[in-house]
């Protein structure tokens, strides 16, 4: 007997690919919407793109925070190496005195 795969989006938005080895399509949970394989793959690509975009935004925020902290320490007279270690800042020295 061949396996059967069903694709769906749960009511909470989670995408699911479920395969049954006995060939019988499983019943969908309450509120779930059945998807075709193409719809599922398209929705999965959208989710992955949104995740990458969110991760890039978080990284940019972390880098901006580290730069601000680094610049504040440098302005207070902390040596560059120490300021970098304390903040994790790896970018260019914004003051040009590095």
PDB file of N, CA and C in Angstrom:
ATOM      1  N   UNK A   1       0.853  -1.181   0.000  1.00  0.00           N
ATOM      2  CA  UNK A   1       0.000   0.000   0.000  1.00  0.00           C
ATOM      3  C   UNK A   1       0.900   1.245   0.000  1.00  0.00           C
ATOM      4  N   UNK A   2       0.530   2.219  -0.801  1.00  0.00           N
ATOM      5  CA  UNK A   2       1.292   3.462  -0.880  1.00  0.00           C
ATOM      6  C   UNK A   2       0.922   4.402   0.258  1.00  0.00           C
ATOM      7  N   UNK A   3       1.878   5.235   0.604  1.00  0.00           N
ATOM      8  CA  UNK A   3       1.595   6.234   1.638  1.00  0.00           C
ATOM      9  C   UNK A   3       0.809   7.391   1.032  1.00  0.00           C
ATOM     10  N   UNK A   4       0.122   8.107   1.879  1.00  0.00           N
ATOM     11  CA  UNK A   4      -0.667   9.267   1.455  1.00  0.00           C
ATOM     12  C   UNK A   4      -0.224  10.471   2.275  1.00  0.00           C
ATOM     13  N   UNK A   5      -0.087  11.602   1.613  1.00  0.00           N
ATOM     14  CA  UNK A   5       0.341  12.827   2.292  1.00  0.00           C
ATOM     15  C   UNK A   5      -0.739  13.880   2.165  1.00  0.00           C
ATOM     16  N   UNK A   6      -0.992  14.562   3.265  1.00  0.00           N
ATOM     17  CA  UNK A   6      -1.960  15.653   3.278  1.00  0.00           C
ATOM     18  C   UNK A   6      -1.232  16.895   3.786  1.00  0.00           C
ATOM     19  N   UNK A   7      -1.566  18.025   3.206  1.00  0.00           N
ATOM     20  CA  UNK A   7      -0.987  19.311   3.589  1.00  0.00           C
ATOM     21  C   UNK A   7      -2.114  20.189   4.091  1.00  0.00           C
ATOM     22  N   UNK A   8      -1.856  20.908   5.187  1.00  0.00           N
ATOM     23  CA  UNK A   8      -2.889  21.798   5.689  1.00  0.00           C
ATOM     24  C   UNK A   8      -2.288  22.893   6.566  1.00  0.00           C
ATOM     25  N   UNK A   9      -3.110  23.916   6.779  1.00  0.00           N
ATOM     26  CA  UNK A   9      -2.769  25.001   7.708  1.00  0.00           C
ATOM     27  C   UNK A   9      -3.745  24.908   8.858  1.00  0.00           C
ATOM     28  N   UNK A  10      -3.186  24.755  10.080  1.00  0.00           N
ATOM     29  CA  UNK A  10      -4.039  24.688  11.260  1.00  0.00           C
ATOM     30  C   UNK A  10      -4.680  26.045  11.510  1.00  0.00           C
ATOM     31  N   UNK A  11      -5.688  26.063  12.357  1.00  0.00           N
ATOM     32  CA  UNK A  11      -6.401  27.300  12.678  1.00  0.00           C
ATOM     33  C   UNK A  11      -5.474  28.355  13.266  1.00  0.00           C
ATOM     34  N   UNK A  12      -4.384  27.919  13.933  1.00  0.00           N
ATOM     35  CA  UNK A  12      -3.428  28.869  14.515  1.00  0.00           C
ATOM     36  C   UNK A  12      -2.359  29.307  13.525  1.00  0.00           C
ATOM     37  N   UNK A  13      -2.466  28.863  12.259  1.00  0.00           N
ATOM     38  CA  UNK A  13      -1.545  29.297  11.209  1.00  0.00           C
ATOM     39  C   UNK A  13      -0.375  28.373  10.944  1.00  0.00           C
ATOM     40  N   UNK A  14      -0.197  27.362  11.768  1.00  0.00           N
ATOM     41  CA  UNK A  14       0.918  26.432  11.597  1.00  0.00           C
ATOM     42  C   UNK A  14       0.700  25.587  10.350  1.00  0.00           C
ATOM     43  N   UNK A  15       1.761  25.450   9.534  1.00  0.00           N
ATOM     44  CA  UNK A  15       1.702  24.610   8.342  1.00  0.00           C
ATOM     45  C   UNK A  15       2.079  23.183   8.713  1.00  0.00           C
ATOM     46  N   UNK A  16       1.345  22.220   8.144  1.00  0.00           N
ATOM     47  CA  UNK A  16       1.574  20.815   8.475  1.00  0.00           C
ATOM     48  C   UNK A  16       1.622  19.985   7.193  1.00  0.00           C
ATOM     49  N   UNK A  17       2.610  19.089   7.143  1.00  0.00           N
ATOM     50  CA  UNK A  17       2.685  18.053   6.115  1.00  0.00           C
ATOM     51  C   UNK A  17       2.620  16.734   6.878  1.00  0.00           C
ATOM     52  N   UNK A  18       1.592  15.947   6.628  1.00  0.00           N
ATOM     53  CA  UNK A  18       1.395  14.711   7.378  1.00  0.00           C
ATOM     54  C   UNK A  18       1.273  13.551   6.395  1.00  0.00           C
ATOM     55  N   UNK A  19       2.088  12.519   6.623  1.00  0.00           N
ATOM     56  CA  UNK A  19       2.070  11.344   5.754  1.00  0.00           C
ATOM     57  C   UNK A  19       1.591  10.134   6.542  1.00  0.00           C
ATOM     58  N   UNK A  20       0.687   9.400   5.922  1.00  0.00           N
ATOM     59  CA  UNK A  20       0.171   8.166   6.526  1.00  0.00           C
ATOM     60  C   UNK A  20       0.688   6.994   5.699  1.00  0.00           C
ATOM     61  N   UNK A  21       1.368   6.075   6.351  1.00  0.00           N
ATOM     62  CA  UNK A  21       1.962   4.945   5.629  1.00  0.00           C
ATOM     63  C   UNK A  21       0.920   3.935   5.156  1.00  0.00           C
ATOM     64  N   UNK A  22      -0.265   3.970   5.740  1.00  0.00           N
ATOM     65  CA  UNK A  22      -1.305   3.015   5.340  1.00  0.00           C
ATOM     66  C   UNK A  22      -2.118   3.499   4.144  1.00  0.00           C
ATOM     67  N   UNK A  23      -1.790   4.675   3.624  1.00  0.00           N
ATOM     68  CA  UNK A  23      -2.475   5.192   2.447  1.00  0.00           C
ATOM     69  C   UNK A  23      -3.756   5.935   2.720  1.00  0.00           C
ATOM     70  N   UNK A  24      -4.232   5.914   3.957  1.00  0.00           N
ATOM     71  CA  UNK A  24      -5.481   6.595   4.309  1.00  0.00           C
ATOM     72  C   UNK A  24      -5.159   8.030   4.741  1.00  0.00           C
ATOM     73  N   UNK A  25      -5.808   8.988   4.115  1.00  0.00           N
ATOM     74  CA  UNK A  25      -5.580  10.382   4.492  1.00  0.00           C
ATOM     75  C   UNK A  25      -6.131  10.633   5.890  1.00  0.00           C
ATOM     76  N   UNK A  26      -5.314  11.218   6.752  1.00  0.00           N
ATOM     77  CA  UNK A  26      -5.788  11.508   8.108  1.00  0.00           C
ATOM     78  C   UNK A  26      -6.829  12.620   8.098  1.00  0.00           C
ATOM     79  N   UNK A  27      -7.673  12.606   9.109  1.00  0.00           N
ATOM     80  CA  UNK A  27      -8.651  13.684   9.249  1.00  0.00           C
ATOM     81  C   UNK A  27      -7.926  14.942   9.687  1.00  0.00           C
ATOM     82  N   UNK A  28      -8.402  16.070   9.213  1.00  0.00           N
ATOM     83  CA  UNK A  28      -7.795  17.345   9.591  1.00  0.00           C
ATOM     84  C   UNK A  28      -8.313  17.791  10.956  1.00  0.00           C
ATOM     85  N   UNK A  29      -7.458  18.476  11.707  1.00  0.00           N
ATOM     86  CA  UNK A  29      -7.922  19.026  12.983  1.00  0.00           C
ATOM     87  C   UNK A  29      -9.016  20.071  12.740  1.00  0.00           C
ATOM     88  N   UNK A  30      -9.794  20.324  13.751  1.00  0.00           N
ATOM     89  CA  UNK A  30     -10.857  21.317  13.650  1.00  0.00           C
ATOM     90  C   UNK A  30     -10.272  22.670  13.259  1.00  0.00           C
ATOM     91  N   UNK A  31     -10.873  23.313  12.280  1.00  0.00           N
ATOM     92  CA  UNK A  31     -10.450  24.640  11.839  1.00  0.00           C
ATOM     93  C   UNK A  31      -9.306  24.647  10.847  1.00  0.00           C
ATOM     94  N   UNK A  32      -8.788  23.473  10.497  1.00  0.00           N
ATOM     95  CA  UNK A  32      -7.670  23.398   9.555  1.00  0.00           C
ATOM     96  C   UNK A  32      -8.170  23.538   8.127  1.00  0.00           C
ATOM     97  N   UNK A  33      -7.314  24.095   7.274  1.00  0.00           N
ATOM     98  CA  UNK A  33      -7.651  24.257   5.853  1.00  0.00           C
ATOM     99  C   UNK A  33      -6.694  23.407   5.026  1.00  0.00           C
ATOM    100  N   UNK A  34      -7.259  22.515   4.221  1.00  0.00           N
ATOM    101  CA  UNK A  34      -6.452  21.650   3.363  1.00  0.00           C
ATOM    102  C   UNK A  34      -5.749  22.494   2.298  1.00  0.00           C
ATOM    103  N   UNK A  35      -4.492  22.133   2.007  1.00  0.00           N
ATOM    104  CA  UNK A  35      -3.702  22.809   0.981  1.00  0.00           C
ATOM    105  C   UNK A  35      -3.230  21.787  -0.044  1.00  0.00           C
ATOM    106  N   UNK A  36      -2.993  22.245  -1.261  1.00  0.00           N
ATOM    107  CA  UNK A  36      -2.326  21.379  -2.234  1.00  0.00           C
ATOM    108  C   UNK A  36      -0.836  21.401  -1.912  1.00  0.00           C
ATOM    109  N   UNK A  37      -0.099  20.468  -2.491  1.00  0.00           N
ATOM    110  CA  UNK A  37       1.351  20.440  -2.269  1.00  0.00           C
ATOM    111  C   UNK A  37       1.974  21.759  -2.734  1.00  0.00           C
ATOM    112  N   UNK A  38       1.491  22.290  -3.840  1.00  0.00           N
ATOM    113  CA  UNK A  38       2.021  23.553  -4.367  1.00  0.00           C
ATOM    114  C   UNK A  38       1.705  24.711  -3.417  1.00  0.00           C
ATOM    115  N   UNK A  39       0.483  24.767  -2.908  1.00  0.00           N
ATOM    116  CA  UNK A  39       0.107  25.820  -1.953  1.00  0.00           C
ATOM    117  C   UNK A  39       0.943  25.718  -0.678  1.00  0.00           C
ATOM    118  N   UNK A  40       1.144  24.486  -0.211  1.00  0.00           N
ATOM    119  CA  UNK A  40       1.927  24.263   1.005  1.00  0.00           C
ATOM    120  C   UNK A  40       3.361  24.751   0.807  1.00  0.00           C
ATOM    121  N   UNK A  41       3.980  24.362  -0.308  1.00  0.00           N
ATOM    122  CA  UNK A  41       5.361  24.765  -0.570  1.00  0.00           C
ATOM    123  C   UNK A  41       5.481  26.276  -0.719  1.00  0.00           C
ATOM    124  N   UNK A  42       4.495  26.900  -1.349  1.00  0.00           N
ATOM    125  CA  UNK A  42       4.498  28.355  -1.488  1.00  0.00           C
ATOM    126  C   UNK A  42       4.367  29.047  -0.140  1.00  0.00           C
ATOM    127  N   UNK A  43       3.462  28.545   0.697  1.00  0.00           N
ATOM    128  CA  UNK A  43       3.272  29.122   2.025  1.00  0.00           C
ATOM    129  C   UNK A  43       4.516  28.913   2.881  1.00  0.00           C
ATOM    130  N   UNK A  44       5.157  27.762   2.749  1.00  0.00           N
ATOM    131  CA  UNK A  44       6.373  27.475   3.497  1.00  0.00           C
ATOM    132  C   UNK A  44       7.500  28.426   3.087  1.00  0.00           C
ATOM    133  N   UNK A  45       7.601  28.705   1.798  1.00  0.00           N
ATOM    134  CA  UNK A  45       8.610  29.665   1.326  1.00  0.00           C
ATOM    135  C   UNK A  45       8.359  31.050   1.913  1.00  0.00           C
ATOM    136  N   UNK A  46       7.086  31.449   1.997  1.00  0.00           N
ATOM    137  CA  UNK A  46       6.747  32.748   2.584  1.00  0.00           C
ATOM    138  C   UNK A  46       7.140  32.809   4.060  1.00  0.00           C
ATOM    139  N   UNK A  47       6.873  31.722   4.781  1.00  0.00           N
ATOM    140  CA  UNK A  47       7.220  31.665   6.203  1.00  0.00           C
ATOM    141  C   UNK A  47       8.733  31.733   6.374  1.00  0.00           C
ATOM    142  N   UNK A  48       9.457  30.995   5.559  1.00  0.00           N
ATOM    143  CA  UNK A  48      10.918  30.989   5.655  1.00  0.00           C
ATOM    144  C   UNK A  48      11.501  32.359   5.314  1.00  0.00           C
ATOM    145  N   UNK A  49      10.938  33.029   4.315  1.00  0.00           N
ATOM    146  CA  UNK A  49      11.403  34.369   3.952  1.00  0.00           C
ATOM    147  C   UNK A  49      11.134  35.355   5.093  1.00  0.00           C
ATOM    148  N   UNK A  50       9.965  35.257   5.709  1.00  0.00           N
ATOM    149  CA  UNK A  50       9.632  36.133   6.836  1.00  0.00           C
ATOM    150  C   UNK A  50      10.561  35.870   8.021  1.00  0.00           C
ATOM    151  N   UNK A  51      10.905  34.606   8.238  1.00  0.00           N
ATOM    152  CA  UNK A  51      11.826  34.253   9.325  1.00  0.00           C
ATOM    153  C   UNK A  51      13.215  34.834   9.075  1.00  0.00           C
ATOM    154  N   UNK A  52      13.695  34.720   7.839  1.00  0.00           N
ATOM    155  CA  UNK A  52      15.014  35.293   7.489  1.00  0.00           C
ATOM    156  C   UNK A  52      15.002  36.810   7.658  1.00  0.00           C
ATOM    157  N   UNK A  53      13.924  37.450   7.224  1.00  0.00           N
ATOM    158  CA  UNK A  53      13.795  38.901   7.349  1.00  0.00           C
ATOM    159  C   UNK A  53      13.787  39.325   8.820  1.00  0.00           C
ATOM    160  N   UNK A  54      13.063  38.588   9.640  1.00  0.00           N
ATOM    161  CA  UNK A  54      12.996  38.886  11.070  1.00  0.00           C
ATOM    162  C   UNK A  54      14.375  38.699  11.722  1.00  0.00           C
ATOM    163  N   UNK A  55      15.058  37.622  11.361  1.00  0.00           N
ATOM    164  CA  UNK A  55      16.394  37.362  11.916  1.00  0.00           C
ATOM    165  C   UNK A  55      17.368  38.471  11.511  1.00  0.00           C
ATOM    166  N   UNK A  56      17.287  38.942  10.275  1.00  0.00           N
ATOM    167  CA  UNK A  56      18.153  40.027   9.819  1.00  0.00           C
ATOM    168  C   UNK A  56      17.869  41.314  10.587  1.00  0.00           C
ATOM    169  N   UNK A  57      16.596  41.584  10.861  1.00  0.00           N
ATOM    170  CA  UNK A  57      16.224  42.783  11.623  1.00  0.00           C
ATOM    171  C   UNK A  57      16.754  42.696  13.047  1.00  0.00           C
ATOM    172  N   UNK A  58      16.657  41.523  13.667  1.00  0.00           N
ATOM    173  CA  UNK A  58      17.177  41.351  15.022  1.00  0.00           C
ATOM    174  C   UNK A  58      18.689  41.519  15.059  1.00  0.00           C
ATOM    175  N   UNK A  59      19.375  40.981  14.055  1.00  0.00           N
ATOM    176  CA  UNK A  59      20.829  41.124  13.972  1.00  0.00           C
ATOM    177  C   UNK A  59      21.211  42.586  13.826  1.00  0.00           C
ATOM    178  N   UNK A  60      20.492  43.321  12.985  1.00  0.00           N
ATOM    179  CA  UNK A  60      20.769  44.748  12.793  1.00  0.00           C
ATOM    180  C   UNK A  60      20.551  45.522  14.095  1.00  0.00           C
ATOM    181  N   UNK A  61      19.500  45.179  14.832  1.00  0.00           N
ATOM    182  CA  UNK A  61      19.240  45.839  16.122  1.00  0.00           C
ATOM    183  C   UNK A  61      20.363  45.555  17.107  1.00  0.00           C
ATOM    184  N   UNK A  62      20.829  44.306  17.151  1.00  0.00           N
ATOM    185  CA  UNK A  62      21.931  43.949  18.045  1.00  0.00           C
ATOM    186  C   UNK A  62      23.202  44.708  17.677  1.00  0.00           C
ATOM    187  N   UNK A  63      23.481  44.799  16.382  1.00  0.00           N
ATOM    188  CA  UNK A  63      24.679  45.515  15.930  1.00  0.00           C
ATOM    189  C   UNK A  63      24.589  46.999  16.270  1.00  0.00           C
ATOM    190  N   UNK A  64      23.408  47.588  16.110  1.00  0.00           N
ATOM    191  CA  UNK A  64      23.223  49.000  16.426  1.00  0.00           C
ATOM    192  C   UNK A  64      23.387  49.242  17.928  1.00  0.00           C
ATOM    193  N   UNK A  65      22.830  48.355  18.739  1.00  0.00           N
ATOM    194  CA  UNK A  65      22.982  48.469  20.190  1.00  0.00           C
ATOM    195  C   UNK A  65      24.456  48.366  20.586  1.00  0.00           C
ATOM    196  N   UNK A  66      25.168  47.396  20.028  1.00  0.00           N
ATOM    197  CA  UNK A  66      26.585  47.213  20.349  1.00  0.00           C
ATOM    198  C   UNK A  66      27.394  48.431  19.926  1.00  0.00           C
ATOM    199  N   UNK A  67      27.086  48.992  18.750  1.00  0.00           N
ATOM    200  CA  UNK A  67      27.799  50.182  18.275  1.00  0.00           C
ATOM    201  C   UNK A  67      27.560  51.355  19.214  1.00  0.00           C
ATOM    202  N   UNK A  68      26.320  51.550  19.614  1.00  0.00           N
ATOM    203  CA  UNK A  68      26.005  52.652  20.531  1.00  0.00           C
ATOM    204  C   UNK A  68      26.728  52.505  21.864  1.00  0.00           C
ATOM    205  N   UNK A  69      26.732  51.287  22.399  1.00  0.00           N
ATOM    206  CA  UNK A  69      27.430  51.038  23.654  1.00  0.00           C
ATOM    207  C   UNK A  69      28.936  51.252  23.495  1.00  0.00           C
ATOM    208  N   UNK A  70      29.471  50.771  22.392  1.00  0.00           N
ATOM    209  CA  UNK A  70      30.901  50.931  22.102  1.00  0.00           C
ATOM    210  C   UNK A  70      31.262  52.418  22.037  1.00  0.00           C
ATOM    211  N   UNK A  71      30.472  53.176  21.290  1.00  0.00           N
ATOM    212  CA  UNK A  71      30.762  54.609  21.148  1.00  0.00           C
ATOM    213  C   UNK A  71      30.664  55.330  22.487  1.00  0.00           C
ATOM    214  N   UNK A  72      29.715  54.935  23.325  1.00  0.00           N
ATOM    215  CA  UNK A  72      29.584  55.557  24.641  1.00  0.00           C
ATOM    216  C   UNK A  72      30.804  55.249  25.505  1.00  0.00           C
ATOM    217  N   UNK A  73      31.276  54.021  25.459  1.00  0.00           N
ATOM    218  CA  UNK A  73      32.468  53.660  26.229  1.00  0.00           C
ATOM    219  C   UNK A  73      33.702  54.396  25.716  1.00  0.00           C
ATOM    220  N   UNK A  74      33.830  54.494  24.398  1.00  0.00           N
ATOM    221  CA  UNK A  74      34.974  55.214  23.815  1.00  0.00           C
ATOM    222  C   UNK A  74      34.924  56.685  24.213  1.00  0.00           C
ATOM    223  N   UNK A  75      33.727  57.276  24.197  1.00  0.00           N
ATOM    224  CA  UNK A  75      33.571  58.684  24.569  1.00  0.00           C
ATOM    225  C   UNK A  75      33.926  58.895  26.038  1.00  0.00           C
ATOM    226  N   UNK A  76      33.775  57.846  26.849  1.00  0.00           N
ATOM    227  CA  UNK A  76      34.114  57.934  28.274  1.00  0.00           C
ATOM    228  C   UNK A  76      35.595  57.648  28.525  1.00  0.00           C
ATOM    229  N   UNK A  77      36.349  57.422  27.456  1.00  0.00           N
ATOM    230  CA  UNK A  77      37.781  57.223  27.592  1.00  0.00           C
ATOM    231  C   UNK A  77      38.227  55.778  27.741  1.00  0.00           C
ATOM    232  N   UNK A  78      37.324  54.830  27.547  1.00  0.00           N
ATOM    233  CA  UNK A  78      37.677  53.408  27.637  1.00  0.00           C
ATOM    234  C   UNK A  78      38.482  53.039  26.388  1.00  0.00           C
ATOM    235  N   UNK A  79      39.613  52.339  26.552  1.00  0.00           N
ATOM    236  CA  UNK A  79      40.412  51.930  25.392  1.00  0.00           C
ATOM    237  C   UNK A  79      39.589  51.107  24.399  1.00  0.00           C
ATOM    238  N   UNK A  80      39.943  51.215  23.128  1.00  0.00           N
ATOM    239  CA  UNK A  80      39.184  50.565  22.061  1.00  0.00           C
ATOM    240  C   UNK A  80      39.032  49.062  22.291  1.00  0.00           C
ATOM    241  N   UNK A  81      40.109  48.360  22.584  1.00  0.00           N
ATOM    242  CA  UNK A  81      40.048  46.910  22.766  1.00  0.00           C
ATOM    243  C   UNK A  81      39.100  46.517  23.889  1.00  0.00           C
ATOM    244  N   UNK A  82      39.159  47.259  24.987  1.00  0.00           N
ATOM    245  CA  UNK A  82      38.284  46.978  26.118  1.00  0.00           C
ATOM    246  C   UNK A  82      36.827  47.251  25.748  1.00  0.00           C
ATOM    247  N   UNK A  83      36.580  48.368  25.078  1.00  0.00           N
ATOM    248  CA  UNK A  83      35.218  48.721  24.659  1.00  0.00           C
ATOM    249  C   UNK A  83      34.656  47.664  23.715  1.00  0.00           C
ATOM    250  N   UNK A  84      35.485  47.160  22.832  1.00  0.00           N
ATOM    251  CA  UNK A  84      35.031  46.117  21.906  1.00  0.00           C
ATOM    252  C   UNK A  84      34.704  44.829  22.659  1.00  0.00           C
ATOM    253  N   UNK A  85      35.557  44.433  23.593  1.00  0.00           N
ATOM    254  CA  UNK A  85      35.299  43.212  24.367  1.00  0.00           C
ATOM    255  C   UNK A  85      34.032  43.340  25.196  1.00  0.00           C
ATOM    256  N   UNK A  86      33.825  44.482  25.807  1.00  0.00           N
ATOM    257  CA  UNK A  86      32.654  44.677  26.664  1.00  0.00           C
ATOM    258  C   UNK A  86      31.345  44.680  25.875  1.00  0.00           C
ATOM    259  N   UNK A  87      31.391  45.224  24.665  1.00  0.00           N
ATOM    260  CA  UNK A  87      30.160  45.375  23.888  1.00  0.00           C
ATOM    261  C   UNK A  87      29.961  44.311  22.815  1.00  0.00           C
ATOM    262  N   UNK A  88      31.037  43.645  22.424  1.00  0.00           N
ATOM    263  CA  UNK A  88      30.951  42.693  21.324  1.00  0.00           C
ATOM    264  C   UNK A  88      30.940  43.383  19.972  1.00  0.00           C
ATOM    265  N   UNK A  89      31.192  44.688  19.957  1.00  0.00           N
ATOM    266  CA  UNK A  89      31.164  45.457  18.711  1.00  0.00           C
ATOM    267  C   UNK A  89      32.369  45.095  17.855  1.00  0.00           C
ATOM    268  N   UNK A  90      32.125  44.760  16.588  1.00  0.00           N
ATOM    269  CA  UNK A  90      33.195  44.348  15.684  1.00  0.00           C
ATOM    270  C   UNK A  90      33.317  45.264  14.478  1.00  0.00           C
ATOM    271  N   UNK A  91      32.506  46.314  14.409  1.00  0.00           N
ATOM    272  CA  UNK A  91      32.528  47.201  13.254  1.00  0.00           C
ATOM    273  C   UNK A  91      33.676  48.196  13.311  1.00  0.00           C
ATOM    274  N   UNK A  92      33.640  49.144  12.393  1.00  0.00           N
ATOM    275  CA  UNK A  92      34.662  50.174  12.312  1.00  0.00           C
ATOM    276  C   UNK A  92      34.533  51.113  13.499  1.00  0.00           C
ATOM    277  N   UNK A  93      35.651  51.701  13.896  1.00  0.00           N
ATOM    278  CA  UNK A  93      35.654  52.670  14.991  1.00  0.00           C
ATOM    279  C   UNK A  93      34.995  53.942  14.481  1.00  0.00           C
ATOM    280  N   UNK A  94      33.810  54.266  14.996  1.00  0.00           N
ATOM    281  CA  UNK A  94      33.049  55.428  14.551  1.00  0.00           C
ATOM    282  C   UNK A  94      33.746  56.741  14.805  1.00  0.00           C
ATOM    283  N   UNK A  95      34.679  56.775  15.745  1.00  0.00           N
ATOM    284  CA  UNK A  95      35.381  58.008  16.076  1.00  0.00           C
ATOM    285  C   UNK A  95      36.580  58.227  15.187  1.00  0.00           C
ATOM    286  N   UNK A  96      37.045  57.183  14.501  1.00  0.00           N
ATOM    287  CA  UNK A  96      38.219  57.319  13.646  1.00  0.00           C
ATOM    288  C   UNK A  96      39.510  57.363  14.450  1.00  0.00           C
ATOM    289  N   UNK A  97      39.475  56.985  15.753  1.00  0.00           N
ATOM    290  CA  UNK A  97      40.667  57.044  16.568  1.00  0.00           C
ATOM    291  C   UNK A  97      41.200  55.660  16.927  1.00  0.00           C
ATOM    292  N   UNK A  98      40.763  54.652  16.194  1.00  0.00           N
ATOM    293  CA  UNK A  98      41.142  53.276  16.500  1.00  0.00           C
ATOM    294  C   UNK A  98      42.407  52.918  15.887  1.00  0.00           C
TER     295      UNK A  98
END
